[in-house]
Structure formats: C-alpha cells, structure tokens
Amino acid sequence: MSGASWVNEFPTGTSTADLTPSFRDAVNAFIAAIDAAGGSVSISATYRPPERAYLMHYAWDIAKGTIQPDRVPAMTGVDIEWNHGNKTQSVNAAKAMVRAYEIVHRPSLTTNHAGRTAIDMQVSGMTNKTITDKKGKKVTIKKASDLHAVGATYGVHKLLSDPPHWSADGH
C-alpha cells in the first residue's frame, strides 16, 4: 500500500560522484569556486532512480487530485498499491508520501535527476563575496542571479522555479 514508508525505497543519491562525468566535472568546479569564495554548498539530491521519480510524481498527483488512485499506471519493479479501496485513505497516504519526500513542486517523470544531469543544492554565504567564473572573470555576488550567471559559465544552470535545482540544461 502507498504511504510514507515508500520514501525509503529507491534512495536518491547525494554525491556528485553519481552524476554523468561531464556534468560532475562542471558541478565540482562550480562548487570549488563557491568554496574558494567563502560560500558553502549543501547537496540534497543528485541521481534519482526512475522508480523514485515515479513514486514522487504520482504521490503528488494523487495528493493534489489531478489523478485518481485507481488510474495510476503501473511501473515495472514498483509493487505499490495506490488505491486503498477508499478515496480518502488513498489521498491521505499520497499526502503522507508528499510530506515525507518533502516535495514542494510537482516532480517530473522525466527528471534530469534520473539522467544524472541535475543536482539539488543550497548555496549559502555568497552575498558580497567575489567568485571566479569558468573564464577567470571575478564576479561579486550581489543577488542570486549573479551566482546563477556564474554557474552557467561552468555549465551548471539554475532552474528558477525550483529553489535548490541546478542542471546541465536549466530544466
């Protein structure tokens, strides 16, 4: 049956080692530049198995009422029962999953996390710090968009609609 216990299945990676080689190199160089500038990075997610993306996506959709629990397509390798035989129980179990996953935006089934080209990370301590972009230019960070522009020079692009999400293509 669906519910918060599913959060322990198909764990998300939290290491840059889980990323594709080219994106890993870009992320590591960007993080090194942040560290050198006196900032800090906290990584919450890198690789997300497709099974986890499926669980997160449909838990969100059921919790928000955009799909009925008995209409969720099955996924090979994920033996979950979304329909508890009672709509309220099914929705409550999905809401418990959303809370346990700490989801704040609708998860994609085709996430860059599954392709190993995305990272969720919080960057802190960068305001008024000077960082070196990939081209060697010194940039003083006055606002978040300044840091986003620096990240882009490394090939690490910010998805503005999702606060911790950075990726190879900005999605």
C-alpha atoms as a PDB file:
ATOM      1  CA  MET A   1       0.000   0.000   0.000  1.00  0.00           C
ATOM      2  CA  SER A   2       1.129   3.543  -0.666  1.00  0.00           C
ATOM      3  CA  GLY A   3       2.304   5.646   2.253  1.00  0.00           C
ATOM      4  CA  ALA A   4       5.304   7.349   3.807  1.00  0.00           C
ATOM      5  CA  SER A   5       7.281   4.104   4.150  1.00  0.00           C
ATOM      6  CA  TRP A   6       7.898   4.174   0.375  1.00  0.00           C
ATOM      7  CA  VAL A   7      10.279   7.098   0.879  1.00  0.00           C
ATOM      8  CA  ASN A   8      12.924   4.583   1.979  1.00  0.00           C
ATOM      9  CA  GLU A   9      12.724   2.719  -1.339  1.00  0.00           C
ATOM     10  CA  PHE A  10      14.883   3.647  -4.354  1.00  0.00           C
ATOM     11  CA  PRO A  11      17.004   6.222  -2.481  1.00  0.00           C
ATOM     12  CA  THR A  12      18.253   9.423  -4.095  1.00  0.00           C
ATOM     13  CA  GLY A  13      21.976   9.933  -4.412  1.00  0.00           C
ATOM     14  CA  THR A  14      23.594  12.891  -2.689  1.00  0.00           C
ATOM     15  CA  SER A  15      27.104  12.725  -4.117  1.00  0.00           C
ATOM     16  CA  THR A  16      28.458  14.412  -7.217  1.00  0.00           C
ATOM     17  CA  ALA A  17      30.040  11.012  -7.992  1.00  0.00           C
ATOM     18  CA  ASP A  18      26.516   9.919  -9.021  1.00  0.00           C
ATOM     19  CA  LEU A  19      26.420  12.436 -11.897  1.00  0.00           C
ATOM     20  CA  THR A  20      27.489  11.906 -15.512  1.00  0.00           C
ATOM     21  CA  PRO A  21      31.233  12.558 -15.914  1.00  0.00           C
ATOM     22  CA  SER A  22      30.914  15.845 -17.802  1.00  0.00           C
ATOM     23  CA  PHE A  23      28.228  17.280 -15.524  1.00  0.00           C
ATOM     24  CA  ARG A  24      30.061  16.003 -12.432  1.00  0.00           C
ATOM     25  CA  ASP A  25      33.198  17.858 -13.544  1.00  0.00           C
ATOM     26  CA  ALA A  26      31.190  21.043 -14.132  1.00  0.00           C
ATOM     27  CA  VAL A  27      29.451  20.819 -10.746  1.00  0.00           C
ATOM     28  CA  ASN A  28      32.667  20.039  -8.881  1.00  0.00           C
ATOM     29  CA  ALA A  29      34.429  23.024 -10.496  1.00  0.00           C
ATOM     30  CA  PHE A  30      31.495  25.315  -9.637  1.00  0.00           C
ATOM     31  CA  ILE A  31      31.399  24.057  -6.032  1.00  0.00           C
ATOM     32  CA  ALA A  32      35.172  24.546  -5.767  1.00  0.00           C
ATOM     33  CA  ALA A  33      34.735  28.155  -6.922  1.00  0.00           C
ATOM     34  CA  ILE A  34      31.993  28.695  -4.322  1.00  0.00           C
ATOM     35  CA  ASP A  35      34.215  27.211  -1.609  1.00  0.00           C
ATOM     36  CA  ALA A  36      37.176  29.345  -2.699  1.00  0.00           C
ATOM     37  CA  ALA A  37      34.961  32.440  -2.495  1.00  0.00           C
ATOM     38  CA  GLY A  38      33.956  31.594   1.083  1.00  0.00           C
ATOM     39  CA  GLY A  39      30.497  30.218   0.392  1.00  0.00           C
ATOM     40  CA  SER A  40      29.120  26.817   1.251  1.00  0.00           C
ATOM     41  CA  VAL A  41      27.090  24.157  -0.527  1.00  0.00           C
ATOM     42  CA  SER A  42      24.695  21.585   0.884  1.00  0.00           C
ATOM     43  CA  ILE A  43      23.645  18.842  -1.554  1.00  0.00           C
ATOM     44  CA  SER A  44      20.249  17.223  -1.041  1.00  0.00           C
ATOM     45  CA  ALA A  45      19.879  15.231  -4.287  1.00  0.00           C
ATOM     46  CA  THR A  46      21.814  14.114  -7.330  1.00  0.00           C
ATOM     47  CA  TYR A  47      20.800  10.862  -9.043  1.00  0.00           C
ATOM     48  CA  ARG A  48      17.129   9.985  -8.629  1.00  0.00           C
ATOM     49  CA  PRO A  49      16.185   6.496  -9.813  1.00  0.00           C
ATOM     50  CA  PRO A  50      13.254   6.471 -12.268  1.00  0.00           C
ATOM     51  CA  GLU A  51      11.283   4.410  -9.744  1.00  0.00           C
ATOM     52  CA  ARG A  52      11.619   7.173  -7.156  1.00  0.00           C
ATOM     53  CA  ALA A  53      10.613   9.789  -9.729  1.00  0.00           C
ATOM     54  CA  TYR A  54       7.515   7.678 -10.471  1.00  0.00           C
ATOM     55  CA  LEU A  55       6.608   7.432  -6.773  1.00  0.00           C
ATOM     56  CA  MET A  56       7.110  11.139  -6.163  1.00  0.00           C
ATOM     57  CA  HIS A  57       5.241  12.192  -9.318  1.00  0.00           C
ATOM     58  CA  TYR A  58       2.141  10.105  -8.687  1.00  0.00           C
ATOM     59  CA  ALA A  59       2.042  10.731  -4.936  1.00  0.00           C
ATOM     60  CA  TRP A  60       1.919  14.453  -5.776  1.00  0.00           C
ATOM     61  CA  ASP A  61      -0.766  13.978  -8.438  1.00  0.00           C
ATOM     62  CA  ILE A  62      -2.982  11.872  -6.172  1.00  0.00           C
ATOM     63  CA  ALA A  63      -2.484  14.259  -3.243  1.00  0.00           C
ATOM     64  CA  LYS A  64      -3.429  17.227  -5.444  1.00  0.00           C
ATOM     65  CA  GLY A  65      -6.409  15.429  -7.001  1.00  0.00           C
ATOM     66  CA  THR A  66      -5.126  15.508 -10.582  1.00  0.00           C
ATOM     67  CA  ILE A  67      -5.358  11.711 -10.941  1.00  0.00           C
ATOM     68  CA  GLN A  68      -7.492   9.107  -9.245  1.00  0.00           C
ATOM     69  CA  PRO A  69      -5.545   6.446  -7.324  1.00  0.00           C
ATOM     70  CA  ASP A  70      -7.007   3.644  -9.453  1.00  0.00           C
ATOM     71  CA  ARG A  71      -5.862   5.408 -12.672  1.00  0.00           C
ATOM     72  CA  VAL A  72      -2.120   5.488 -11.902  1.00  0.00           C
ATOM     73  CA  PRO A  73      -0.238   3.394 -14.450  1.00  0.00           C
ATOM     74  CA  ALA A  74       1.857   0.565 -13.071  1.00  0.00           C
ATOM     75  CA  MET A  75       5.654   0.699 -13.215  1.00  0.00           C
ATOM     76  CA  THR A  76       7.712  -2.453 -13.577  1.00  0.00           C
ATOM     77  CA  GLY A  77       9.707  -3.036 -10.421  1.00  0.00           C
ATOM     78  CA  VAL A  78       7.496  -0.875  -8.192  1.00  0.00           C
ATOM     79  CA  ASP A  79       4.934  -3.066  -6.433  1.00  0.00           C
ATOM     80  CA  ILE A  80       2.835  -0.273  -4.943  1.00  0.00           C
ATOM     81  CA  GLU A  81      -0.920  -0.198  -4.495  1.00  0.00           C
ATOM     82  CA  TRP A  82      -2.144   3.387  -4.767  1.00  0.00           C
ATOM     83  CA  ASN A  83      -5.829   2.523  -4.308  1.00  0.00           C
ATOM     84  CA  HIS A  84      -6.606   1.755  -0.671  1.00  0.00           C
ATOM     85  CA  GLY A  85     -10.210   0.962  -1.566  1.00  0.00           C
ATOM     86  CA  ASN A  86     -11.289   4.292  -0.094  1.00  0.00           C
ATOM     87  CA  LYS A  87     -10.536   7.606  -1.784  1.00  0.00           C
ATOM     88  CA  THR A  88      -9.869   9.474   1.476  1.00  0.00           C
ATOM     89  CA  GLN A  89      -7.394   6.832   2.678  1.00  0.00           C
ATOM     90  CA  SER A  90      -5.690   6.753  -0.732  1.00  0.00           C
ATOM     91  CA  VAL A  91      -5.339  10.549  -0.848  1.00  0.00           C
ATOM     92  CA  ASN A  92      -4.141  10.699   2.753  1.00  0.00           C
ATOM     93  CA  ALA A  93      -1.470   8.070   2.037  1.00  0.00           C
ATOM     94  CA  ALA A  94      -0.319  10.072  -1.007  1.00  0.00           C
ATOM     95  CA  LYS A  95      -0.230  13.264   1.089  1.00  0.00           C
ATOM     96  CA  ALA A  96       1.890  11.431   3.669  1.00  0.00           C
ATOM     97  CA  MET A  97       4.312  10.494   0.881  1.00  0.00           C
ATOM     98  CA  VAL A  98       4.487  14.097  -0.354  1.00  0.00           C
ATOM     99  CA  ARG A  99       5.307  15.256   3.176  1.00  0.00           C
ATOM    100  CA  ALA A 100       7.870  12.503   3.728  1.00  0.00           C
ATOM    101  CA  TYR A 101       9.575  13.259   0.394  1.00  0.00           C
ATOM    102  CA  GLU A 102       9.437  16.978   1.299  1.00  0.00           C
ATOM    103  CA  ILE A 103       8.069  17.784  -2.167  1.00  0.00           C
ATOM    104  CA  VAL A 104       7.260  21.431  -2.867  1.00  0.00           C
ATOM    105  CA  HIS A 105       6.925  21.335  -6.675  1.00  0.00           C
ATOM    106  CA  ARG A 106       5.353  18.723  -8.922  1.00  0.00           C
ATOM    107  CA  PRO A 107       8.063  16.139  -9.655  1.00  0.00           C
ATOM    108  CA  SER A 108       8.732  15.257 -13.259  1.00  0.00           C
ATOM    109  CA  LEU A 109       8.640  11.696 -14.535  1.00  0.00           C
ATOM    110  CA  THR A 110      11.435  12.600 -16.942  1.00  0.00           C
ATOM    111  CA  THR A 111      13.629  14.431 -14.468  1.00  0.00           C
ATOM    112  CA  ASN A 112      17.222  15.308 -15.249  1.00  0.00           C
ATOM    113  CA  HIS A 113      17.981  13.695 -11.889  1.00  0.00           C
ATOM    114  CA  ALA A 114      17.224  10.288 -13.463  1.00  0.00           C
ATOM    115  CA  GLY A 115      19.581  11.183 -16.311  1.00  0.00           C
ATOM    116  CA  ARG A 116      22.278  12.114 -13.771  1.00  0.00           C
ATOM    117  CA  THR A 117      22.452  15.704 -15.061  1.00  0.00           C
ATOM    118  CA  ALA A 118      20.805  17.549 -12.157  1.00  0.00           C
ATOM    119  CA  ILE A 119      21.650  18.438  -8.596  1.00  0.00           C
ATOM    120  CA  ASP A 120      19.595  19.931  -5.786  1.00  0.00           C
ATOM    121  CA  MET A 121      21.882  22.075  -3.668  1.00  0.00           C
ATOM    122  CA  GLN A 122      21.588  25.031  -1.368  1.00  0.00           C
ATOM    123  CA  VAL A 123      24.307  27.639  -1.761  1.00  0.00           C
ATOM    124  CA  SER A 124      24.815  29.989   1.164  1.00  0.00           C
ATOM    125  CA  GLY A 125      27.169  32.694   2.315  1.00  0.00           C
ATOM    126  CA  MET A 126      27.796  34.189  -1.121  1.00  0.00           C
ATOM    127  CA  THR A 127      26.295  37.672  -0.779  1.00  0.00           C
ATOM    128  CA  ASN A 128      29.008  40.298  -1.304  1.00  0.00           C
ATOM    129  CA  LYS A 129      31.613  37.576  -1.949  1.00  0.00           C
ATOM    130  CA  THR A 130      33.769  37.562  -5.072  1.00  0.00           C
ATOM    131  CA  ILE A 131      33.817  34.352  -7.091  1.00  0.00           C
ATOM    132  CA  THR A 132      35.778  33.430 -10.200  1.00  0.00           C
ATOM    133  CA  ASP A 133      33.735  32.222 -13.151  1.00  0.00           C
ATOM    134  CA  LYS A 134      34.995  29.487 -15.501  1.00  0.00           C
ATOM    135  CA  LYS A 135      36.536  32.085 -17.830  1.00  0.00           C
ATOM    136  CA  GLY A 136      38.597  33.509 -14.957  1.00  0.00           C
ATOM    137  CA  LYS A 137      36.499  36.650 -14.505  1.00  0.00           C
ATOM    138  CA  LYS A 138      35.969  37.855 -10.910  1.00  0.00           C
ATOM    139  CA  VAL A 139      32.294  38.449 -10.090  1.00  0.00           C
ATOM    140  CA  THR A 140      30.948  39.972  -6.877  1.00  0.00           C
ATOM    141  CA  ILE A 141      27.663  38.327  -5.907  1.00  0.00           C
ATOM    142  CA  LYS A 142      25.080  40.995  -5.098  1.00  0.00           C
ATOM    143  CA  LYS A 143      21.971  38.945  -5.881  1.00  0.00           C
ATOM    144  CA  ALA A 144      21.069  35.348  -6.690  1.00  0.00           C
ATOM    145  CA  SER A 145      21.038  35.966 -10.437  1.00  0.00           C
ATOM    146  CA  ASP A 146      24.735  36.910 -10.232  1.00  0.00           C
ATOM    147  CA  LEU A 147      25.530  33.443  -8.895  1.00  0.00           C
ATOM    148  CA  HIS A 148      23.253  31.835 -11.487  1.00  0.00           C
ATOM    149  CA  ALA A 149      25.213  33.553 -14.257  1.00  0.00           C
ATOM    150  CA  VAL A 150      28.500  32.305 -12.785  1.00  0.00           C
ATOM    151  CA  GLY A 151      27.097  28.768 -12.562  1.00  0.00           C
ATOM    152  CA  ALA A 152      26.136  28.928 -16.225  1.00  0.00           C
ATOM    153  CA  THR A 153      29.762  29.602 -17.197  1.00  0.00           C
ATOM    154  CA  TYR A 154      30.589  26.234 -15.627  1.00  0.00           C
ATOM    155  CA  GLY A 155      27.664  24.505 -17.375  1.00  0.00           C
ATOM    156  CA  VAL A 156      25.557  24.381 -14.200  1.00  0.00           C
ATOM    157  CA  HIS A 157      22.252  26.126 -14.920  1.00  0.00           C
ATOM    158  CA  LYS A 158      19.670  27.274 -12.362  1.00  0.00           C
ATOM    159  CA  LEU A 159      16.009  26.337 -12.689  1.00  0.00           C
ATOM    160  CA  LEU A 160      14.410  29.464 -11.229  1.00  0.00           C
ATOM    161  CA  SER A 161      11.073  27.829 -10.413  1.00  0.00           C
ATOM    162  CA  ASP A 162      12.698  25.207  -8.167  1.00  0.00           C
ATOM    163  CA  PRO A 163      14.927  26.791  -5.489  1.00  0.00           C
ATOM    164  CA  PRO A 164      17.542  24.045  -4.985  1.00  0.00           C
ATOM    165  CA  HIS A 165      17.571  22.683  -8.574  1.00  0.00           C
ATOM    166  CA  TRP A 166      20.527  23.144 -10.933  1.00  0.00           C
ATOM    167  CA  SER A 167      21.131  21.109 -14.085  1.00  0.00           C
ATOM    168  CA  ALA A 168      23.072  20.736 -17.308  1.00  0.00           C
ATOM    169  CA  ASP A 169      20.268  22.354 -19.318  1.00  0.00           C
ATOM    170  CA  GLY A 170      18.350  24.517 -16.823  1.00  0.00           C
ATOM    171  CA  HIS A 171      15.357  22.121 -16.595  1.00  0.00           C
END
